[in-house]
All heavy atoms as atom14 arrays in JSON, in Angstrom:
{
  "sequence": "LPAAGFAQIVDRTTDAIPTLLELDGAGGMQPVTHLEP",
  "atom14_mask": [
    [1, 1, 1, 1, 1, 1, 1, 1, 0, 0, 0, 0, 0, 0],
    [1, 1, 1, 1, 1, 1, 1, 0, 0, 0, 0, 0, 0, 0],
    [1, 1, 1, 1, 1, 0, 0, 0, 0, 0, 0, 0, 0, 0],
    [1, 1, 1, 1, 1, 0, 0, 0, 0, 0, 0, 0, 0, 0],
    [1, 1, 1, 1, 0, 0, 0, 0, 0, 0, 0, 0, 0, 0],
    [1, 1, 1, 1, 1, 1, 1, 1, 1, 1, 1, 0, 0, 0],
    [1, 1, 1, 1, 1, 0, 0, 0, 0, 0, 0, 0, 0, 0],
    [1, 1, 1, 1, 1, 1, 1, 1, 1, 0, 0, 0, 0, 0],
    [1, 1, 1, 1, 1, 1, 1, 1, 0, 0, 0, 0, 0, 0],
    [1, 1, 1, 1, 1, 1, 1, 0, 0, 0, 0, 0, 0, 0],
    [1, 1, 1, 1, 1, 1, 1, 1, 0, 0, 0, 0, 0, 0],
    [1, 1, 1, 1, 1, 1, 1, 1, 1, 1, 1, 0, 0, 0],
    [1, 1, 1, 1, 1, 1, 1, 0, 0, 0, 0, 0, 0, 0],
    [1, 1, 1, 1, 1, 1, 1, 0, 0, 0, 0, 0, 0, 0],
    [1, 1, 1, 1, 1, 1, 1, 1, 0, 0, 0, 0, 0, 0],
    [1, 1, 1, 1, 1, 0, 0, 0, 0, 0, 0, 0, 0, 0],
    [1, 1, 1, 1, 1, 1, 1, 1, 0, 0, 0, 0, 0, 0],
    [1, 1, 1, 1, 1, 1, 1, 0, 0, 0, 0, 0, 0, 0],
    [1, 1, 1, 1, 1, 1, 1, 0, 0, 0, 0, 0, 0, 0],
    [1, 1, 1, 1, 1, 1, 1, 1, 0, 0, 0, 0, 0, 0],
    [1, 1, 1, 1, 1, 1, 1, 1, 0, 0, 0, 0, 0, 0],
    [1, 1, 1, 1, 1, 1, 1, 1, 1, 0, 0, 0, 0, 0],
    [1, 1, 1, 1, 1, 1, 1, 1, 0, 0, 0, 0, 0, 0],
    [1, 1, 1, 1, 1, 1, 1, 1, 0, 0, 0, 0, 0, 0],
    [1, 1, 1, 1, 0, 0, 0, 0, 0, 0, 0, 0, 0, 0],
    [1, 1, 1, 1, 1, 0, 0, 0, 0, 0, 0, 0, 0, 0],
    [1, 1, 1, 1, 0, 0, 0, 0, 0, 0, 0, 0, 0, 0],
    [1, 1, 1, 1, 0, 0, 0, 0, 0, 0, 0, 0, 0, 0],
    [1, 1, 1, 1, 1, 1, 1, 1, 0, 0, 0, 0, 0, 0],
    [1, 1, 1, 1, 1, 1, 1, 1, 1, 0, 0, 0, 0, 0],
    [1, 1, 1, 1, 1, 1, 1, 0, 0, 0, 0, 0, 0, 0],
    [1, 1, 1, 1, 1, 1, 1, 0, 0, 0, 0, 0, 0, 0],
    [1, 1, 1, 1, 1, 1, 1, 0, 0, 0, 0, 0, 0, 0],
    [1, 1, 1, 1, 1, 1, 1, 1, 1, 1, 0, 0, 0, 0],
    [1, 1, 1, 1, 1, 1, 1, 1, 0, 0, 0, 0, 0, 0],
    [1, 1, 1, 1, 1, 1, 1, 1, 1, 0, 0, 0, 0, 0],
    [1, 1, 1, 1, 1, 1, 1, 0, 0, 0, 0, 0, 0, 0]
  ],
  "atom14_positions": [
    [[-139.25, -89.24, -36.04], [-138.51, -88.09, -35.54], [-138.34, -88.18, -34.03], [-139.16, -88.78, -33.34], [-139.25, -86.79, -35.87], [-139.35, -86.4, -37.34], [-140.34, -85.27, -37.52], [-137.99, -86.0, -37.88], [0.0, 0.0, 0.0], [0.0, 0.0, 0.0], [0.0, 0.0, 0.0], [0.0, 0.0, 0.0], [0.0, 0.0, 0.0], [0.0, 0.0, 0.0]],
    [[-137.28, -87.55, -33.51], [-137.16, -87.43, -32.05], [-138.34, -86.65, -31.48], [-138.95, -85.83, -32.18], [-135.84, -86.66, -31.86], [-135.1, -86.84, -33.14], [-136.14, -86.97, -34.21], [0.0, 0.0, 0.0], [0.0, 0.0, 0.0], [0.0, 0.0, 0.0], [0.0, 0.0, 0.0], [0.0, 0.0, 0.0], [0.0, 0.0, 0.0], [0.0, 0.0, 0.0]],
    [[-138.66, -86.89, -30.22], [-139.83, -86.26, -29.6], [-139.76, -84.74, -29.65], [-140.75, -84.06, -29.93], [-139.97, -86.75, -28.16], [0.0, 0.0, 0.0], [0.0, 0.0, 0.0], [0.0, 0.0, 0.0], [0.0, 0.0, 0.0], [0.0, 0.0, 0.0], [0.0, 0.0, 0.0], [0.0, 0.0, 0.0], [0.0, 0.0, 0.0], [0.0, 0.0, 0.0]],
    [[-138.56, -84.18, -29.39], [-138.43, -82.72, -29.37], [-138.71, -82.13, -30.75], [-139.42, -81.12, -30.88], [-137.04, -82.32, -28.9], [0.0, 0.0, 0.0], [0.0, 0.0, 0.0], [0.0, 0.0, 0.0], [0.0, 0.0, 0.0], [0.0, 0.0, 0.0], [0.0, 0.0, 0.0], [0.0, 0.0, 0.0], [0.0, 0.0, 0.0], [0.0, 0.0, 0.0]],
    [[-138.16, -82.74, -31.78], [-138.38, -82.25, -33.13], [-139.82, -82.37, -33.56], [-140.38, -81.46, -34.2], [0.0, 0.0, 0.0], [0.0, 0.0, 0.0], [0.0, 0.0, 0.0], [0.0, 0.0, 0.0], [0.0, 0.0, 0.0], [0.0, 0.0, 0.0], [0.0, 0.0, 0.0], [0.0, 0.0, 0.0], [0.0, 0.0, 0.0], [0.0, 0.0, 0.0]],
    [[-140.44, -83.48, -33.2], [-141.84, -83.67, -33.57], [-142.73, -82.64, -32.88], [-143.68, -82.12, -33.48], [-142.29, -85.08, -33.21], [-143.71, -85.36, -33.62], [-144.02, -85.63, -34.94], [-144.73, -85.36, -32.68], [-145.34, -85.88, -35.32], [-146.04, -85.61, -33.06], [-146.35, -85.87, -34.39], [0.0, 0.0, 0.0], [0.0, 0.0, 0.0], [0.0, 0.0, 0.0]],
    [[-142.43, -82.31, -31.62], [-143.23, -81.31, -30.9], [-143.15, -79.96, -31.59], [-144.15, -79.23, -31.67], [-142.74, -81.2, -29.46], [0.0, 0.0, 0.0], [0.0, 0.0, 0.0], [0.0, 0.0, 0.0], [0.0, 0.0, 0.0], [0.0, 0.0, 0.0], [0.0, 0.0, 0.0], [0.0, 0.0, 0.0], [0.0, 0.0, 0.0], [0.0, 0.0, 0.0]],
    [[-141.98, -79.61, -32.12], [-141.85, -78.35, -32.83], [-142.65, -78.35, -34.12], [-143.25, -77.34, -34.49], [-140.37, -78.07, -33.13], [-139.55, -77.73, -31.9], [-138.08, -77.6, -32.22], [-137.34, -78.58, -32.26], [-137.64, -76.37, -32.47], [0.0, 0.0, 0.0], [0.0, 0.0, 0.0], [0.0, 0.0, 0.0], [0.0, 0.0, 0.0], [0.0, 0.0, 0.0]],
    [[-142.68, -79.47, -34.79], [-143.46, -79.58, -36.03], [-144.95, -79.46, -35.73], [-145.7, -78.8, -36.47], [-143.14, -80.91, -36.74], [-141.73, -80.83, -37.35], [-144.17, -81.24, -37.8], [-141.22, -82.13, -37.91], [0.0, 0.0, 0.0], [0.0, 0.0, 0.0], [0.0, 0.0, 0.0], [0.0, 0.0, 0.0], [0.0, 0.0, 0.0], [0.0, 0.0, 0.0]],
    [[-145.4, -80.06, -34.64], [-146.8, -79.93, -34.25], [-147.14, -78.48, -33.96], [-148.21, -77.99, -34.36], [-147.1, -80.82, -33.01], [-148.46, -80.47, -32.41], [-147.06, -82.29, -33.4], [0.0, 0.0, 0.0], [0.0, 0.0, 0.0], [0.0, 0.0, 0.0], [0.0, 0.0, 0.0], [0.0, 0.0, 0.0], [0.0, 0.0, 0.0], [0.0, 0.0, 0.0]],
    [[-146.23, -77.74, -33.32], [-146.47, -76.32, -33.06], [-146.64, -75.55, -34.36], [-147.52, -74.7, -34.48], [-145.32, -75.72, -32.24], [-145.33, -76.19, -30.79], [-146.38, -76.68, -30.34], [-144.28, -76.07, -30.12], [0.0, 0.0, 0.0], [0.0, 0.0, 0.0], [0.0, 0.0, 0.0], [0.0, 0.0, 0.0], [0.0, 0.0, 0.0], [0.0, 0.0, 0.0]],
    [[-145.77, -75.83, -35.33], [-145.88, -75.15, -36.63], [-147.18, -75.52, -37.32], [-147.8, -74.68, -37.97], [-144.69, -75.54, -37.52], [-143.34, -75.14, -36.96], [-143.05, -73.68, -37.2], [-141.78, -73.28, -36.61], [-141.14, -72.16, -36.91], [-141.68, -71.32, -37.77], [-140.0, -71.85, -36.32], [0.0, 0.0, 0.0], [0.0, 0.0, 0.0], [0.0, 0.0, 0.0]],
    [[-147.59, -76.75, -37.18], [-148.84, -77.2, -37.79], [-150.03, -76.47, -37.18], [-150.9, -75.96, -37.89], [-149.01, -78.72, -37.59], [-147.94, -79.4, -38.24], [-150.34, -79.2, -38.15], [0.0, 0.0, 0.0], [0.0, 0.0, 0.0], [0.0, 0.0, 0.0], [0.0, 0.0, 0.0], [0.0, 0.0, 0.0], [0.0, 0.0, 0.0], [0.0, 0.0, 0.0]],
    [[-150.06, -76.39, -35.86], [-151.17, -75.74, -35.17], [-151.22, -74.26, -35.47], [-152.3, -73.67, -35.62], [-151.04, -75.96, -33.65], [-150.97, -77.38, -33.39], [-152.24, -75.4, -32.91], [0.0, 0.0, 0.0], [0.0, 0.0, 0.0], [0.0, 0.0, 0.0], [0.0, 0.0, 0.0], [0.0, 0.0, 0.0], [0.0, 0.0, 0.0], [0.0, 0.0, 0.0]],
    [[-150.04, -73.63, -35.6], [-149.98, -72.2, -35.89], [-150.15, -71.9, -37.37], [-150.21, -70.73, -37.76], [-148.64, -71.62, -35.42], [-148.49, -71.65, -33.91], [-149.52, -71.73, -33.22], [-147.35, -71.6, -33.43], [0.0, 0.0, 0.0], [0.0, 0.0, 0.0], [0.0, 0.0, 0.0], [0.0, 0.0, 0.0], [0.0, 0.0, 0.0], [0.0, 0.0, 0.0]],
    [[-150.22, -72.94, -38.2], [-150.39, -72.78, -39.66], [-149.27, -71.97, -40.27], [-149.5, -71.08, -41.1], [-151.76, -72.17, -39.98], [0.0, 0.0, 0.0], [0.0, 0.0, 0.0], [0.0, 0.0, 0.0], [0.0, 0.0, 0.0], [0.0, 0.0, 0.0], [0.0, 0.0, 0.0], [0.0, 0.0, 0.0], [0.0, 0.0, 0.0], [0.0, 0.0, 0.0]],
    [[-148.02, -72.28, -39.88], [-146.85, -71.57, -40.41], [-146.05, -72.54, -41.28], [-145.39, -73.45, -40.76], [-145.96, -71.04, -39.28], [-146.76, -70.11, -38.35], [-144.75, -70.31, -39.85], [-145.98, -69.67, -37.13], [0.0, 0.0, 0.0], [0.0, 0.0, 0.0], [0.0, 0.0, 0.0], [0.0, 0.0, 0.0], [0.0, 0.0, 0.0], [0.0, 0.0, 0.0]],
    [[-146.06, -72.37, -42.61], [-145.23, -73.23, -43.46], [-143.76, -72.91, -43.25], [-143.35, -71.75, -43.28], [-145.69, -72.89, -44.88], [-146.27, -71.52, -44.78], [-146.84, -71.4, -43.4], [0.0, 0.0, 0.0], [0.0, 0.0, 0.0], [0.0, 0.0, 0.0], [0.0, 0.0, 0.0], [0.0, 0.0, 0.0], [0.0, 0.0, 0.0], [0.0, 0.0, 0.0]],
    [[-142.95, -73.92, -43.01], [-141.55, -73.68, -42.61], [-140.66, -74.8, -43.11], [-141.01, -75.97, -43.06], [-141.43, -73.6, -41.08], [-142.46, -72.79, -40.53], [-140.09, -73.02, -40.68], [0.0, 0.0, 0.0], [0.0, 0.0, 0.0], [0.0, 0.0, 0.0], [0.0, 0.0, 0.0], [0.0, 0.0, 0.0], [0.0, 0.0, 0.0], [0.0, 0.0, 0.0]],
    [[-139.45, -74.41, -43.54], [-138.4, -75.36, -43.85], [-137.52, -75.5, -42.61], [-136.99, -74.52, -42.1], [-137.58, -74.86, -45.04], [-136.48, -75.8, -45.55], [-137.07, -77.12, -46.05], [-135.68, -75.11, -46.65], [0.0, 0.0, 0.0], [0.0, 0.0, 0.0], [0.0, 0.0, 0.0], [0.0, 0.0, 0.0], [0.0, 0.0, 0.0], [0.0, 0.0, 0.0]],
    [[-137.37, -76.73, -42.11], [-136.64, -76.98, -40.87], [-135.52, -77.98, -41.1], [-135.59, -78.83, -42.0], [-137.6, -77.54, -39.81], [-138.78, -76.66, -39.4], [-139.73, -77.46, -38.51], [-138.31, -75.4, -38.69], [0.0, 0.0, 0.0], [0.0, 0.0, 0.0], [0.0, 0.0, 0.0], [0.0, 0.0, 0.0], [0.0, 0.0, 0.0], [0.0, 0.0, 0.0]],
    [[-134.49, -77.88, -40.25], [-133.37, -78.82, -40.31], [-133.19, -79.47, -38.95], [-133.23, -78.79, -37.91], [-132.09, -78.09, -40.72], [-130.88, -79.02, -40.86], [-129.68, -78.31, -41.47], [-129.79, -77.86, -42.62], [-128.65, -78.18, -40.77], [0.0, 0.0, 0.0], [0.0, 0.0, 0.0], [0.0, 0.0, 0.0], [0.0, 0.0, 0.0], [0.0, 0.0, 0.0]],
    [[-133.0, -80.76, -38.95], [-132.81, -81.52, -37.71], [-131.42, -81.26, -37.17], [-130.41, -81.44, -37.87], [-133.01, -83.01, -37.97], [-133.01, -83.94, -36.76], [-134.22, -83.67, -35.88], [-133.01, -85.4, -37.22], [0.0, 0.0, 0.0], [0.0, 0.0, 0.0], [0.0, 0.0, 0.0], [0.0, 0.0, 0.0], [0.0, 0.0, 0.0], [0.0, 0.0, 0.0]],
    [[-131.35, -80.79, -35.91], [-130.04, -80.51, -35.32], [-129.55, -81.71, -34.51], [-130.23, -82.73, -34.38], [-130.08, -79.24, -34.45], [-131.04, -79.37, -33.27], [-131.3, -80.49, -32.81], [-131.53, -78.32, -32.79], [0.0, 0.0, 0.0], [0.0, 0.0, 0.0], [0.0, 0.0, 0.0], [0.0, 0.0, 0.0], [0.0, 0.0, 0.0], [0.0, 0.0, 0.0]],
    [[-128.34, -81.59, -33.95], [-127.73, -82.71, -33.24], [-128.43, -83.1, -31.97], [-128.28, -84.22, -31.47], [0.0, 0.0, 0.0], [0.0, 0.0, 0.0], [0.0, 0.0, 0.0], [0.0, 0.0, 0.0], [0.0, 0.0, 0.0], [0.0, 0.0, 0.0], [0.0, 0.0, 0.0], [0.0, 0.0, 0.0], [0.0, 0.0, 0.0], [0.0, 0.0, 0.0]],
    [[-129.25, -82.18, -31.42], [-129.94, -82.45, -30.16], [-131.34, -83.03, -30.37], [-132.09, -83.21, -29.41], [-130.03, -81.16, -29.33], [0.0, 0.0, 0.0], [0.0, 0.0, 0.0], [0.0, 0.0, 0.0], [0.0, 0.0, 0.0], [0.0, 0.0, 0.0], [0.0, 0.0, 0.0], [0.0, 0.0, 0.0], [0.0, 0.0, 0.0], [0.0, 0.0, 0.0]],
    [[-131.7, -83.28, -31.6], [-133.02, -83.84, -31.89], [-134.1, -82.79, -32.08], [-135.27, -83.12, -32.22], [0.0, 0.0, 0.0], [0.0, 0.0, 0.0], [0.0, 0.0, 0.0], [0.0, 0.0, 0.0], [0.0, 0.0, 0.0], [0.0, 0.0, 0.0], [0.0, 0.0, 0.0], [0.0, 0.0, 0.0], [0.0, 0.0, 0.0], [0.0, 0.0, 0.0]],
    [[-133.71, -81.5, -32.08], [-134.67, -80.43, -32.33], [-134.65, -79.99, -33.78], [-133.83, -80.46, -34.59], [0.0, 0.0, 0.0], [0.0, 0.0, 0.0], [0.0, 0.0, 0.0], [0.0, 0.0, 0.0], [0.0, 0.0, 0.0], [0.0, 0.0, 0.0], [0.0, 0.0, 0.0], [0.0, 0.0, 0.0], [0.0, 0.0, 0.0], [0.0, 0.0, 0.0]],
    [[-135.54, -79.07, -34.13], [-135.63, -78.57, -35.5], [-135.31, -77.09, -35.51], [-135.84, -76.32, -34.7], [-137.04, -78.79, -36.06], [-137.56, -80.23, -35.96], [-136.59, -81.43, -36.9], [-136.8, -80.84, -38.58], [0.0, 0.0, 0.0], [0.0, 0.0, 0.0], [0.0, 0.0, 0.0], [0.0, 0.0, 0.0], [0.0, 0.0, 0.0], [0.0, 0.0, 0.0]],
    [[-134.48, -76.67, -36.46], [-134.11, -75.27, -36.6], [-134.54, -74.75, -37.97], [-134.39, -75.45, -38.97], [-132.59, -75.1, -36.44], [-132.03, -75.58, -35.12], [-132.61, -74.81, -33.95], [-132.89, -73.62, -34.04], [-132.8, -75.5, -32.83], [0.0, 0.0, 0.0], [0.0, 0.0, 0.0], [0.0, 0.0, 0.0], [0.0, 0.0, 0.0], [0.0, 0.0, 0.0]],
    [[-135.07, -73.53, -38.04], [-135.46, -72.96, -39.34], [-134.25, -72.84, -40.26], [-133.14, -72.54, -39.82], [-136.03, -71.59, -38.98], [-136.4, -71.68, -37.54], [-135.42, -72.63, -36.92], [0.0, 0.0, 0.0], [0.0, 0.0, 0.0], [0.0, 0.0, 0.0], [0.0, 0.0, 0.0], [0.0, 0.0, 0.0], [0.0, 0.0, 0.0], [0.0, 0.0, 0.0]],
    [[-134.49, -73.05, -41.54], [-133.44, -72.96, -42.56], [-133.75, -71.77, -43.46], [-134.86, -71.64, -43.98], [-133.38, -74.24, -43.41], [-132.32, -74.11, -44.49], [-133.09, -75.44, -42.53], [0.0, 0.0, 0.0], [0.0, 0.0, 0.0], [0.0, 0.0, 0.0], [0.0, 0.0, 0.0], [0.0, 0.0, 0.0], [0.0, 0.0, 0.0], [0.0, 0.0, 0.0]],
    [[-132.75, -70.92, -43.67], [-132.93, -69.79, -44.57], [-132.06, -69.9, -45.82], [-132.37, -69.31, -46.85], [-132.61, -68.46, -43.85], [-131.28, -68.53, -43.32], [-133.6, -68.21, -42.73], [0.0, 0.0, 0.0], [0.0, 0.0, 0.0], [0.0, 0.0, 0.0], [0.0, 0.0, 0.0], [0.0, 0.0, 0.0], [0.0, 0.0, 0.0], [0.0, 0.0, 0.0]],
    [[-130.96, -70.64, -45.72], [-130.09, -70.86, -46.87], [-129.83, -72.36, -47.01], [-129.43, -73.01, -46.05], [-128.76, -70.12, -46.73], [-128.88, -68.64, -46.85], [-129.32, -67.84, -45.81], [-128.66, -67.82, -47.9], [-129.33, -66.57, -46.21], [-128.95, -66.54, -47.47], [0.0, 0.0, 0.0], [0.0, 0.0, 0.0], [0.0, 0.0, 0.0], [0.0, 0.0, 0.0]],
    [[-130.06, -72.87, -48.19], [-129.93, -74.31, -48.42], [-128.5, -74.64, -48.82], [-128.18, -74.84, -49.99], [-130.93, -74.75, -49.51], [-132.4, -74.56, -49.16], [-133.29, -75.03, -50.29], [-132.75, -75.31, -47.89], [0.0, 0.0, 0.0], [0.0, 0.0, 0.0], [0.0, 0.0, 0.0], [0.0, 0.0, 0.0], [0.0, 0.0, 0.0], [0.0, 0.0, 0.0]],
    [[-127.65, -74.7, -47.82], [-126.25, -75.05, -48.07], [-126.13, -76.56, -48.26], [-126.88, -77.34, -47.66], [-125.37, -74.61, -46.89], [-125.46, -73.12, -46.57], [-124.89, -72.26, -47.68], [-124.12, -72.8, -48.52], [-125.22, -71.06, -47.71], [0.0, 0.0, 0.0], [0.0, 0.0, 0.0], [0.0, 0.0, 0.0], [0.0, 0.0, 0.0], [0.0, 0.0, 0.0]],
    [[-125.18, -77.0, -49.1], [-124.99, -78.46, -49.28], [-124.42, -79.09, -48.01], [-123.85, -78.41, -47.15], [-123.99, -78.53, -50.44], [-123.27, -77.21, -50.42], [-124.28, -76.2, -49.93], [0.0, 0.0, 0.0], [0.0, 0.0, 0.0], [0.0, 0.0, 0.0], [0.0, 0.0, 0.0], [0.0, 0.0, 0.0], [0.0, 0.0, 0.0], [0.0, 0.0, 0.0]]
  ]
}
């Protein structure tokens, strides 16, 4: 993963928050609420 996205995942891991994320064009991760095709 890009460094920015991985850092966000580490934050979620440390905070113990289960989350579905989507990789955006800038290398970050955004929460997903609707699983569009």
